[in-house]
C-alpha atoms as a PDB file:
ATOM      1  CA  MET A   1     161.031 -60.304 265.295  1.00  0.00           C
ATOM      2  CA  GLY A   2     162.326 -62.650 267.954  1.00  0.00           C
ATOM      3  CA  GLU A   3     160.224 -61.127 270.760  1.00  0.00           C
ATOM      4  CA  LYS A   4     158.174 -63.791 272.520  1.00  0.00           C
ATOM      5  CA  ARG A   5     155.085 -62.310 274.092  1.00  0.00           C
ATOM      6  CA  LYS A   6     152.946 -64.090 276.638  1.00  0.00           C
ATOM      7  CA  ARG A   7     151.273 -67.108 275.094  1.00  0.00           C
ATOM      8  CA  ARG A   8     147.580 -66.653 274.370  1.00  0.00           C
ATOM      9  CA  PHE A   9     144.785 -69.030 273.448  1.00  0.00           C
ATOM     10  CA  GLY A  10     145.293 -70.267 269.891  1.00  0.00           C
ATOM     11  CA  ASP A  11     149.077 -69.763 269.901  1.00  0.00           C
ATOM     12  CA  ARG A  12     151.433 -72.665 269.257  1.00  0.00           C
ATOM     13  CA  LYS A  13     154.675 -73.612 271.002  1.00  0.00           C
ATOM     14  CA  ASP A  14     156.815 -72.140 268.234  1.00  0.00           C
ATOM     15  CA  ALA A  15     154.608 -69.323 266.933  1.00  0.00           C
ATOM     16  CA  SER A  16     151.875 -66.789 267.660  1.00  0.00           C
ATOM     17  CA  TRP A  17     148.528 -66.764 265.896  1.00  0.00           C
ATOM     18  CA  VAL A  18     148.322 -63.759 263.550  1.00  0.00           C
ATOM     19  CA  ARG A  19     145.029 -62.254 264.639  1.00  0.00           C
ATOM     20  CA  ASP A  20     145.327 -58.859 262.945  1.00  0.00           C
ATOM     21  CA  GLY A  21     145.778 -60.061 259.358  1.00  0.00           C
ATOM     22  CA  ASP A  22     143.525 -58.844 256.574  1.00  0.00           C
ATOM     23  CA  PRO A  23     140.229 -60.762 256.059  1.00  0.00           C
ATOM     24  CA  ILE A  24     141.218 -62.193 252.662  1.00  0.00           C
ATOM     25  CA  HIS A  25     144.368 -63.849 254.008  1.00  0.00           C
ATOM     26  CA  ALA A  26     142.450 -65.100 257.060  1.00  0.00           C
ATOM     27  CA  PHE A  27     139.888 -66.778 254.771  1.00  0.00           C
ATOM     28  CA  MET A  28     142.442 -68.278 252.336  1.00  0.00           C
ATOM     29  CA  PRO A  29     143.196 -71.450 254.339  1.00  0.00           C
ATOM     30  CA  TYR A  30     139.560 -72.522 254.041  1.00  0.00           C
ATOM     31  CA  ILE A  31     139.361 -72.324 250.252  1.00  0.00           C
ATOM     32  CA  MET A  32     143.023 -72.696 249.198  1.00  0.00           C
ATOM     33  CA  LEU A  33     143.929 -75.981 250.849  1.00  0.00           C
ATOM     34  CA  GLY A  34     147.433 -77.379 251.023  1.00  0.00           C
ATOM     35  CA  ARG A  35     150.795 -75.643 251.001  1.00  0.00           C
ATOM     36  CA  ALA A  36     151.995 -77.532 247.935  1.00  0.00           C
ATOM     37  CA  SER A  37     148.956 -76.299 245.981  1.00  0.00           C
ATOM     38  CA  ASN A  38     149.646 -72.642 246.762  1.00  0.00           C
ATOM     39  CA  GLU A  39     153.221 -72.098 245.677  1.00  0.00           C
ATOM     40  CA  ALA A  40     154.583 -68.786 244.457  1.00  0.00           C
ATOM     41  CA  VAL A  41     157.787 -69.349 242.467  1.00  0.00           C
ATOM     42  CA  LEU A  42     160.375 -66.605 242.000  1.00  0.00           C
ATOM     43  CA  ASP A  43     163.957 -66.549 240.789  1.00  0.00           C
ATOM     44  CA  ASP A  44     166.842 -64.117 240.620  1.00  0.00           C
ATOM     45  CA  GLU A  45     170.494 -63.857 239.618  1.00  0.00           C
ATOM     46  CA  VAL A  46     172.864 -62.096 241.994  1.00  0.00           C
ATOM     47  CA  ASP A  47     176.125 -60.393 241.001  1.00  0.00           C
ATOM     48  CA  LEU A  48     178.863 -62.091 243.053  1.00  0.00           C
ATOM     49  CA  SER A  49     181.496 -59.356 242.679  1.00  0.00           C
ATOM     50  CA  ALA A  50     181.116 -58.003 246.221  1.00  0.00           C
ATOM     51  CA  VAL A  51     180.669 -61.453 247.785  1.00  0.00           C
ATOM     52  CA  THR A  52     183.824 -62.788 246.092  1.00  0.00           C
ATOM     53  CA  ALA A  53     185.926 -59.863 247.360  1.00  0.00           C
ATOM     54  CA  TYR A  54     184.400 -60.246 250.818  1.00  0.00           C
ATOM     55  CA  LEU A  55     185.206 -63.980 250.950  1.00  0.00           C
ATOM     56  CA  GLU A  56     188.807 -63.360 249.857  1.00  0.00           C
ATOM     57  CA  LYS A  57     189.281 -61.160 252.930  1.00  0.00           C
ATOM     58  CA  LYS A  58     187.539 -63.652 255.210  1.00  0.00           C
ATOM     59  CA  ASN A  59     189.647 -66.551 253.978  1.00  0.00           C
ATOM     60  CA  ALA A  60     192.969 -64.702 254.031  1.00  0.00           C
ATOM     61  CA  GLY A  61     195.504 -66.382 256.258  1.00  0.00           C
ATOM     62  CA  ASP A  62     195.233 -69.769 257.932  1.00  0.00           C
ATOM     63  CA  VAL A  63     191.500 -70.581 257.995  1.00  0.00           C
ATOM     64  CA  ASP A  64     190.817 -74.225 258.815  1.00  0.00           C
ATOM     65  CA  PHE A  65     187.142 -74.121 257.735  1.00  0.00           C
ATOM     66  CA  LYS A  66     186.744 -71.852 254.718  1.00  0.00           C
ATOM     67  CA  TYR A  67     183.977 -69.277 254.427  1.00  0.00           C
ATOM     68  CA  THR A  68     181.885 -70.036 251.355  1.00  0.00           C
ATOM     69  CA  ILE A  69     179.160 -68.521 249.210  1.00  0.00           C
ATOM     70  CA  PHE A  70     176.717 -70.854 250.968  1.00  0.00           C
ATOM     71  CA  HIS A  71     177.567 -69.345 254.364  1.00  0.00           C
ATOM     72  CA  VAL A  72     177.120 -65.815 253.024  1.00  0.00           C
ATOM     73  CA  VAL A  73     173.792 -66.584 251.327  1.00  0.00           C
ATOM     74  CA  LEU A  74     172.501 -68.327 254.449  1.00  0.00           C
ATOM     75  CA  ALA A  75     173.462 -65.339 256.612  1.00  0.00           C
ATOM     76  CA  ALA A  76     171.873 -62.947 254.099  1.00  0.00           C
ATOM     77  CA  LEU A  77     168.675 -65.022 254.140  1.00  0.00           C
ATOM     78  CA  ALA A  78     168.636 -64.903 257.942  1.00  0.00           C
ATOM     79  CA  LYS A  79     168.984 -61.104 257.866  1.00  0.00           C
ATOM     80  CA  THR A  80     166.258 -60.829 255.227  1.00  0.00           C
ATOM     81  CA  VAL A  81     163.834 -62.977 257.232  1.00  0.00           C
ATOM     82  CA  TYR A  82     164.612 -60.898 260.325  1.00  0.00           C
ATOM     83  CA  LEU A  83     163.842 -57.675 258.436  1.00  0.00           C
ATOM     84  CA  ARG A  84     160.816 -59.193 256.657  1.00  0.00           C
ATOM     85  CA  PRO A  85     158.964 -61.154 259.373  1.00  0.00           C
ATOM     86  CA  ALA A  86     156.076 -62.236 257.126  1.00  0.00           C
ATOM     87  CA  MET A  87     158.590 -64.487 255.360  1.00  0.00           C
ATOM     88  CA  ASN A  88     158.735 -66.377 258.666  1.00  0.00           C
ATOM     89  CA  ARG A  89     155.039 -67.217 258.814  1.00  0.00           C
ATOM     90  CA  TYR A  90     153.219 -70.454 258.142  1.00  0.00           C
ATOM     91  CA  LEU A  91     149.708 -71.819 257.842  1.00  0.00           C
ATOM     92  CA  GLN A  92     148.599 -74.755 259.918  1.00  0.00           C
ATOM     93  CA  GLY A  93     145.233 -75.715 261.379  1.00  0.00           C
ATOM     94  CA  HIS A  94     143.512 -73.202 259.024  1.00  0.00           C
ATOM     95  CA  ARG A  95     145.322 -70.326 260.746  1.00  0.00           C
ATOM     96  CA  THR A  96     148.342 -68.127 260.033  1.00  0.00           C
ATOM     97  CA  TYR A  97     151.171 -68.107 262.567  1.00  0.00           C
ATOM     98  CA  GLN A  98     154.242 -65.936 263.124  1.00  0.00           C
ATOM     99  CA  ARG A  99     157.289 -67.927 264.210  1.00  0.00           C
ATOM    100  CA  HIS A 100     159.290 -66.913 267.263  1.00  0.00           C
ATOM    101  CA  ASP A 101     162.583 -68.251 265.886  1.00  0.00           C
ATOM    102  CA  ILE A 102     164.490 -68.162 262.595  1.00  0.00           C
ATOM    103  CA  SER A 103     165.714 -71.607 261.587  1.00  0.00           C
ATOM    104  CA  PHE A 104     167.247 -73.257 258.514  1.00  0.00           C
ATOM    105  CA  ALA A 105     167.324 -76.834 257.301  1.00  0.00           C
ATOM    106  CA  PHE A 106     169.753 -78.196 254.733  1.00  0.00           C
ATOM    107  CA  VAL A 107     171.320 -81.471 253.665  1.00  0.00           C
ATOM    108  CA  ILE A 108     175.002 -82.356 253.531  1.00  0.00           C
ATOM    109  CA  LYS A 109     176.729 -85.386 252.041  1.00  0.00           C
ATOM    110  CA  ARG A 110     179.246 -87.099 254.283  1.00  0.00           C
ATOM    111  CA  VAL A 111     181.288 -87.637 251.107  1.00  0.00           C
ATOM    112  CA  PHE A 112     180.514 -86.887 247.447  1.00  0.00           C
ATOM    113  CA  ALA A 113     179.654 -90.402 246.287  1.00  0.00           C
ATOM    114  CA  ASP A 114     176.505 -92.057 244.914  1.00  0.00           C
ATOM    115  CA  ASN A 115     176.066 -94.379 247.871  1.00  0.00           C
ATOM    116  CA  ALA A 116     177.124 -91.914 250.560  1.00  0.00           C
ATOM    117  CA  GLU A 117     174.614 -91.177 253.296  1.00  0.00           C
ATOM    118  CA  GLU A 118     173.091 -87.730 253.695  1.00  0.00           C
ATOM    119  CA  GLY A 119     173.049 -85.786 256.913  1.00  0.00           C
ATOM    120  CA  MET A 120     170.373 -83.257 257.822  1.00  0.00           C
ATOM    121  CA  ILE A 121     171.287 -80.053 259.646  1.00  0.00           C
ATOM    122  CA  ILE A 122     168.606 -77.967 261.348  1.00  0.00           C
ATOM    123  CA  MET A 123     170.071 -74.729 262.619  1.00  0.00           C
ATOM    124  CA  LYS A 124     168.385 -72.082 264.731  1.00  0.00           C
ATOM    125  CA  VAL A 125     169.718 -68.512 264.512  1.00  0.00           C
ATOM    126  CA  ASP A 126     170.455 -66.716 267.779  1.00  0.00           C
ATOM    127  CA  GLN A 127     168.718 -63.345 267.472  1.00  0.00           C
ATOM    128  CA  GLU A 128     170.153 -61.912 270.705  1.00  0.00           C
ATOM    129  CA  THR A 129     173.887 -62.613 270.526  1.00  0.00           C
ATOM    130  CA  ASP A 130     176.308 -59.782 269.749  1.00  0.00           C
ATOM    131  CA  THR A 131     178.308 -62.093 267.502  1.00  0.00           C
ATOM    132  CA  GLY A 132     178.426 -61.062 263.842  1.00  0.00           C
ATOM    133  CA  LEU A 133     175.780 -62.891 261.827  1.00  0.00           C
ATOM    134  CA  LEU A 134     178.196 -64.531 259.376  1.00  0.00           C
ATOM    135  CA  GLU A 135     180.504 -65.581 262.218  1.00  0.00           C
ATOM    136  CA  GLN A 136     177.555 -67.169 263.987  1.00  0.00           C
ATOM    137  CA  ILE A 137     176.373 -69.044 260.870  1.00  0.00           C
ATOM    138  CA  HIS A 138     179.908 -70.138 259.955  1.00  0.00           C
ATOM    139  CA  GLY A 139     180.669 -71.384 263.472  1.00  0.00           C
ATOM    140  CA  ARG A 140     177.420 -73.323 263.780  1.00  0.00           C
ATOM    141  CA  ILE A 141     177.825 -74.988 260.374  1.00  0.00           C
ATOM    142  CA  LYS A 142     181.442 -75.918 261.127  1.00  0.00           C
ATOM    143  CA  LYS A 143     180.389 -77.595 264.365  1.00  0.00           C
ATOM    144  CA  GLU A 144     177.463 -79.470 262.799  1.00  0.00           C
ATOM    145  CA  VAL A 145     179.326 -80.567 259.666  1.00  0.00           C
ATOM    146  CA  ASN A 146     182.295 -81.861 261.665  1.00  0.00           C
ATOM    147  CA  ALA A 147     179.943 -83.813 263.943  1.00  0.00           C
ATOM    148  CA  ILE A 148     178.028 -85.426 261.068  1.00  0.00           C
ATOM    149  CA  ARG A 149     181.101 -86.217 258.980  1.00  0.00           C
ATOM    150  CA  ARG A 150     182.912 -87.921 261.832  1.00  0.00           C
ATOM    151  CA  GLU A 151     182.978 -91.654 261.394  1.00  0.00           C
ATOM    152  CA  GLY A 152     179.858 -93.068 263.003  1.00  0.00           C
ATOM    153  CA  GLY A 153     178.301 -89.658 263.406  1.00  0.00           C
ATOM    154  CA  THR A 154     174.601 -89.262 262.689  1.00  0.00           C
ATOM    155  CA  ASP A 155     172.044 -86.491 262.714  1.00  0.00           C
ATOM    156  CA  GLY A 156     168.889 -86.546 264.820  1.00  0.00           C
ATOM    157  CA  THR A 157     166.552 -86.506 261.826  1.00  0.00           C
ATOM    158  CA  SER A 158     167.943 -89.708 260.328  1.00  0.00           C
ATOM    159  CA  GLY A 159     167.781 -91.427 263.705  1.00  0.00           C
ATOM    160  CA  VAL A 160     164.096 -90.572 264.247  1.00  0.00           C
ATOM    161  CA  VAL A 161     163.106 -91.567 260.690  1.00  0.00           C
ATOM    162  CA  ALA A 162     165.002 -94.854 260.966  1.00  0.00           C
ATOM    163  CA  LYS A 163     162.967 -95.788 264.045  1.00  0.00           C
ATOM    164  CA  LEU A 164     159.692 -94.947 262.307  1.00  0.00           C
ATOM    165  CA  ASN A 165     160.666 -96.933 259.211  1.00  0.00           C
ATOM    166  CA  ALA A 166     161.168-100.005 261.387  1.00  0.00           C
ATOM    167  CA  LEU A 167     157.405-100.142 262.036  1.00  0.00           C
ATOM    168  CA  PRO A 168     155.153-102.404 259.924  1.00  0.00           C
ATOM    169  CA  ARG A 169     153.519-100.467 257.046  1.00  0.00           C
ATOM    170  CA  PRO A 170     149.922-100.503 258.400  1.00  0.00           C
ATOM    171  CA  LEU A 171     151.146 -99.246 261.777  1.00  0.00           C
ATOM    172  CA  LEU A 172     153.387 -96.639 260.144  1.00  0.00           C
ATOM    173  CA  ARG A 173     150.428 -95.311 258.107  1.00  0.00           C
ATOM    174  CA  PHE A 174     148.383 -95.043 261.296  1.00  0.00           C
ATOM    175  CA  VAL A 175     151.238 -93.263 263.098  1.00  0.00           C
ATOM    176  CA  ALA A 176     151.574 -90.829 260.161  1.00  0.00           C
ATOM    177  CA  ARG A 177     147.846 -89.948 260.373  1.00  0.00           C
ATOM    178  CA  ILE A 178     148.207 -89.338 264.105  1.00  0.00           C
ATOM    179  CA  LEU A 179     151.233 -87.101 263.503  1.00  0.00           C
ATOM    180  CA  PHE A 180     149.313 -85.015 260.925  1.00  0.00           C
ATOM    181  CA  TRP A 181     146.441 -84.626 263.404  1.00  0.00           C
ATOM    182  CA  LEU A 182     148.787 -83.591 266.215  1.00  0.00           C
ATOM    183  CA  ASP A 183     150.559 -81.078 263.963  1.00  0.00           C
ATOM    184  CA  TYR A 184     147.233 -79.593 262.824  1.00  0.00           C
ATOM    185  CA  HIS A 185     146.402 -78.762 266.448  1.00  0.00           C
ATOM    186  CA  GLY A 186     149.929 -77.726 267.435  1.00  0.00           C
ATOM    187  CA  TRP A 187     150.360 -80.715 269.722  1.00  0.00           C
ATOM    188  CA  LEU A 188     153.277 -82.403 267.968  1.00  0.00           C
ATOM    189  CA  PRO A 189     155.946 -83.274 270.566  1.00  0.00           C
ATOM    190  CA  LYS A 190     158.691 -80.666 270.675  1.00  0.00           C
ATOM    191  CA  ALA A 191     161.322 -83.414 270.465  1.00  0.00           C
ATOM    192  CA  LEU A 192     159.968 -84.422 267.040  1.00  0.00           C
ATOM    193  CA  GLU A 193     159.738 -80.852 265.730  1.00  0.00           C
ATOM    194  CA  ALA A 194     163.360 -80.205 266.708  1.00  0.00           C
ATOM    195  CA  PHE A 195     164.573 -82.904 264.293  1.00  0.00           C
ATOM    196  CA  ASP A 196     162.144 -82.227 261.451  1.00  0.00           C
ATOM    197  CA  PRO A 197     163.477 -80.096 258.563  1.00  0.00           C
ATOM    198  CA  PHE A 198     159.907 -79.380 257.440  1.00  0.00           C
ATOM    199  CA  HIS A 199     159.328 -77.395 260.640  1.00  0.00           C
ATOM    200  CA  ALA A 200     162.130 -74.934 259.845  1.00  0.00           C
ATOM    201  CA  SER A 201     161.628 -71.348 258.677  1.00  0.00           C
ATOM    202  CA  CYS A 202     163.505 -72.011 255.463  1.00  0.00           C
ATOM    203  CA  PHE A 203     164.714 -75.158 253.701  1.00  0.00           C
ATOM    204  CA  VAL A 204     167.840 -74.432 251.641  1.00  0.00           C
ATOM    205  CA  THR A 205     169.419 -76.671 249.024  1.00  0.00           C
ATOM    206  CA  ASN A 206     172.897 -75.871 247.711  1.00  0.00           C
ATOM    207  CA  LEU A 207     172.826 -77.358 244.197  1.00  0.00           C
ATOM    208  CA  GLY A 208     175.842 -75.270 243.254  1.00  0.00           C
ATOM    209  CA  SER A 209     177.998 -77.569 245.417  1.00  0.00           C
ATOM    210  CA  ILE A 210     177.225 -80.429 243.000  1.00  0.00           C
ATOM    211  CA  LYS A 211     177.467 -78.241 239.871  1.00  0.00           C
ATOM    212  CA  MET A 212     173.740 -78.085 239.222  1.00  0.00           C
ATOM    213  CA  THR A 213     171.087 -75.408 238.798  1.00  0.00           C
ATOM    214  CA  ALA A 214     167.312 -75.644 239.127  1.00  0.00           C
ATOM    215  CA  ASP A 215     164.678 -72.936 239.281  1.00  0.00           C
ATOM    216  CA  TYR A 216     162.144 -74.705 241.445  1.00  0.00           C
ATOM    217  CA  HIS A 217     161.604 -77.069 244.347  1.00  0.00           C
ATOM    218  CA  HIS A 218     158.143 -77.927 245.626  1.00  0.00           C
ATOM    219  CA  LEU A 219     156.832 -77.340 249.136  1.00  0.00           C
ATOM    220  CA  VAL A 220     155.222 -80.168 251.112  1.00  0.00           C
ATOM    221  CA  ASP A 221     151.968 -80.265 253.069  1.00  0.00           C
ATOM    222  CA  TRP A 222     153.547 -81.906 256.083  1.00  0.00           C
ATOM    223  CA  GLY A 223     154.976 -79.598 258.750  1.00  0.00           C
ATOM    224  CA  THR A 224     155.154 -75.809 258.660  1.00  0.00           C
ATOM    225  CA  ASN A 225     157.936 -74.959 256.196  1.00  0.00           C
ATOM    226  CA  SER A 226     156.654 -72.255 253.818  1.00  0.00           C
ATOM    227  CA  PHE A 227     159.907 -71.034 252.263  1.00  0.00           C
ATOM    228  CA  PHE A 228     162.306 -73.062 250.086  1.00  0.00           C
ATOM    229  CA  VAL A 229     165.485 -71.634 248.538  1.00  0.00           C
ATOM    230  CA  ILE A 230     167.668 -73.152 245.826  1.00  0.00           C
ATOM    231  CA  ILE A 231     171.266 -71.960 245.417  1.00  0.00           C
ATOM    232  CA  GLY A 232     172.441 -72.834 241.919  1.00  0.00           C
ATOM    233  CA  GLU A 233     175.836 -73.070 240.256  1.00  0.00           C
ATOM    234  CA  LYS A 234     177.604 -69.746 239.728  1.00  0.00           C
ATOM    235  CA  LYS A 235     178.360 -68.864 236.093  1.00  0.00           C
ATOM    236  CA  TRP A 236     179.926 -66.060 234.076  1.00  0.00           C
ATOM    237  CA  LYS A 237     177.311 -64.299 231.950  1.00  0.00           C
ATOM    238  CA  PRO A 238     177.079 -61.081 229.920  1.00  0.00           C
ATOM    239  CA  VAL A 239     175.215 -58.282 231.684  1.00  0.00           C
ATOM    240  CA  PHE A 240     173.921 -55.779 229.120  1.00  0.00           C
ATOM    241  CA  LYS A 241     173.795 -52.025 229.588  1.00  0.00           C
ATOM    242  CA  ARG A 242     171.255 -49.637 228.051  1.00  0.00           C
ATOM    243  CA  ASP A 243     173.618 -48.630 225.258  1.00  0.00           C
ATOM    244  CA  GLY A 244     173.912 -52.247 224.104  1.00  0.00           C
ATOM    245  CA  SER A 245     177.389 -52.842 225.518  1.00  0.00           C
ATOM    246  CA  TYR A 246     177.898 -55.558 228.060  1.00  0.00           C
ATOM    247  CA  GLU A 247     180.174 -56.674 230.858  1.00  0.00           C
ATOM    248  CA  MET A 248     180.915 -60.263 231.863  1.00  0.00           C
ATOM    249  CA  LYS A 249     179.965 -60.906 235.475  1.00  0.00           C
ATOM    250  CA  GLU A 250     179.845 -63.936 237.726  1.00  0.00           C
ATOM    251  CA  LEU A 251     176.200 -64.492 238.640  1.00  0.00           C
ATOM    252  CA  LEU A 252     174.609 -66.768 241.231  1.00  0.00           C
ATOM    253  CA  PRO A 253     171.131 -68.131 240.389  1.00  0.00           C
ATOM    254  CA  LEU A 254     168.678 -68.279 243.288  1.00  0.00           C
ATOM    255  CA  GLY A 255     165.262 -69.936 243.215  1.00  0.00           C
ATOM    256  CA  PHE A 256     162.516 -69.247 245.751  1.00  0.00           C
ATOM    257  CA  THR A 257     159.321 -71.190 246.442  1.00  0.00           C
ATOM    258  CA  VAL A 258     156.942 -69.587 248.936  1.00  0.00           C
ATOM    259  CA  ASP A 259     153.475 -70.385 250.218  1.00  0.00           C
ATOM    260  CA  GLU A 260     151.606 -67.469 248.631  1.00  0.00           C
ATOM    261  CA  ARG A 261     149.067 -67.418 251.469  1.00  0.00           C
ATOM    262  CA  ILE A 262     151.550 -66.010 254.033  1.00  0.00           C
ATOM    263  CA  SER A 263     151.748 -62.626 252.280  1.00  0.00           C
ATOM    264  CA  ASP A 264     151.417 -61.002 248.849  1.00  0.00           C
ATOM    265  CA  GLY A 265     153.525 -60.668 245.711  1.00  0.00           C
ATOM    266  CA  PHE A 266     154.676 -57.125 246.502  1.00  0.00           C
ATOM    267  CA  TYR A 267     156.011 -58.260 249.887  1.00  0.00           C
ATOM    268  CA  PHE A 268     157.840 -61.217 248.331  1.00  0.00           C
ATOM    269  CA  ALA A 269     159.386 -59.051 245.596  1.00  0.00           C
ATOM    270  CA  LYS A 270     160.663 -56.444 248.048  1.00  0.00           C
ATOM    271  CA  SER A 271     162.086 -59.197 250.269  1.00  0.00           C
ATOM    272  CA  ILE A 272     164.153 -60.518 247.354  1.00  0.00           C
ATOM    273  CA  LYS A 273     165.355 -56.984 246.601  1.00  0.00           C
ATOM    274  CA  ILE A 274     166.503 -56.644 250.207  1.00  0.00           C
ATOM    275  CA  LEU A 275     168.353 -59.967 249.955  1.00  0.00           C
ATOM    276  CA  ARG A 276     170.037 -58.745 246.771  1.00  0.00           C
ATOM    277  CA  ALA A 277     171.002 -55.456 248.455  1.00  0.00           C
ATOM    278  CA  ILE A 278     172.601 -57.326 251.381  1.00  0.00           C
ATOM    279  CA  LEU A 279     174.635 -59.478 248.992  1.00  0.00           C
ATOM    280  CA  ARG A 280     175.845 -56.303 247.261  1.00  0.00           C
ATOM    281  CA  ARG A 281     177.129 -55.100 250.634  1.00  0.00           C
ATOM    282  CA  PRO A 282     178.000 -58.324 252.501  1.00  0.00           C
ATOM    283  CA  GLU A 283     179.913 -56.463 255.204  1.00  0.00           C
ATOM    284  CA  ILE A 284     176.447 -55.944 256.709  1.00  0.00           C
ATOM    285  CA  LEU A 285     176.781 -59.563 257.834  1.00  0.00           C
ATOM    286  CA  ASP A 286     179.673 -58.684 260.155  1.00  0.00           C
ATOM    287  CA  GLU A 287     177.078 -57.089 262.453  1.00  0.00           C
ATOM    288  CA  PRO A 288     174.619 -58.963 264.716  1.00  0.00           C
ATOM    289  CA  ILE A 289     171.322 -59.925 263.128  1.00  0.00           C
ATOM    290  CA  PHE A 290     169.456 -57.216 265.065  1.00  0.00           C
ATOM    291  CA  ALA A 291     171.732 -54.389 263.845  1.00  0.00           C
ATOM    292  CA  SER A 292     169.819 -51.835 261.777  1.00  0.00           C
ATOM    293  CA  VAL A 293     170.525 -51.600 258.052  1.00  0.00           C
ATOM    294  CA  GLU A 294     170.582 -48.420 256.005  1.00  0.00           C
ATOM    295  CA  PHE A 295     169.807 -48.986 252.333  1.00  0.00           C
ATOM    296  CA  GLU A 296     170.735 -46.411 249.720  1.00  0.00           C
ATOM    297  CA  GLU A 297     168.047 -44.842 247.546  1.00  0.00           C
ATOM    298  CA  GLY A 298     167.202 -47.110 244.640  1.00  0.00           C
ATOM    299  CA  GLU A 299     168.943 -50.091 246.270  1.00  0.00           C
ATOM    300  CA  ILE A 300     165.644 -51.805 247.083  1.00  0.00           C
END
């Protein structure tokens, strides 16, 4: 993951054509058309005990930009995608591609108000730095959030979309068809891809920040995003044991929507187990993304 080999015929700017996939998955794009029509939906609830203790240590002392559950989940997702590279694939142009980079897209509100504008953050993870993964994620989010929330600040995505929306409707429809055609062939300008959240590895929505929970969010056929994650509102719930007794625990609901054509159900299920294992031992995130991870027997 992260290694960029010499570009070959059929590769795209951001990804390599997966030539060694099994025949069934290679044939799928021709009979199972559209990302939004091929969604696999999964959900899980994660025990927050270890994450809560971890965040208390991180936020001890004078911390001007607090570490949050969102930062930890985002870092854990980055580590999971690094360890499970098929989660970083996409289908476009009737072919399967393996991305070179790990990137996340998410929305922030400048202020929590009905009429407040939204800002879009698209963040690429550095897979070569020796900086701890959580420190990297936290630092990047702090920088981006402060920039967007400054008075007059704007994100690149909103700026590009605003210019497109200024076009007359017939012309805008024509431009949209051209953009779909360019993206199909991998010829979309890099400047446009850089500001498009639907060209990120994973689109994440933090519903917990607005006290909401949902199990599902659809994918879209535009772009290359094949992995959508919903972070819900944490809640205390009873966790039952085999003897019928129970213990109250704070659980975090997570929803996952994946293009089922990029891999199979077994691969998706194991990937979620790995994510859960990382969140049970969040100190893993103090290491760089490329640091190896030892999982205990039965942990995944």
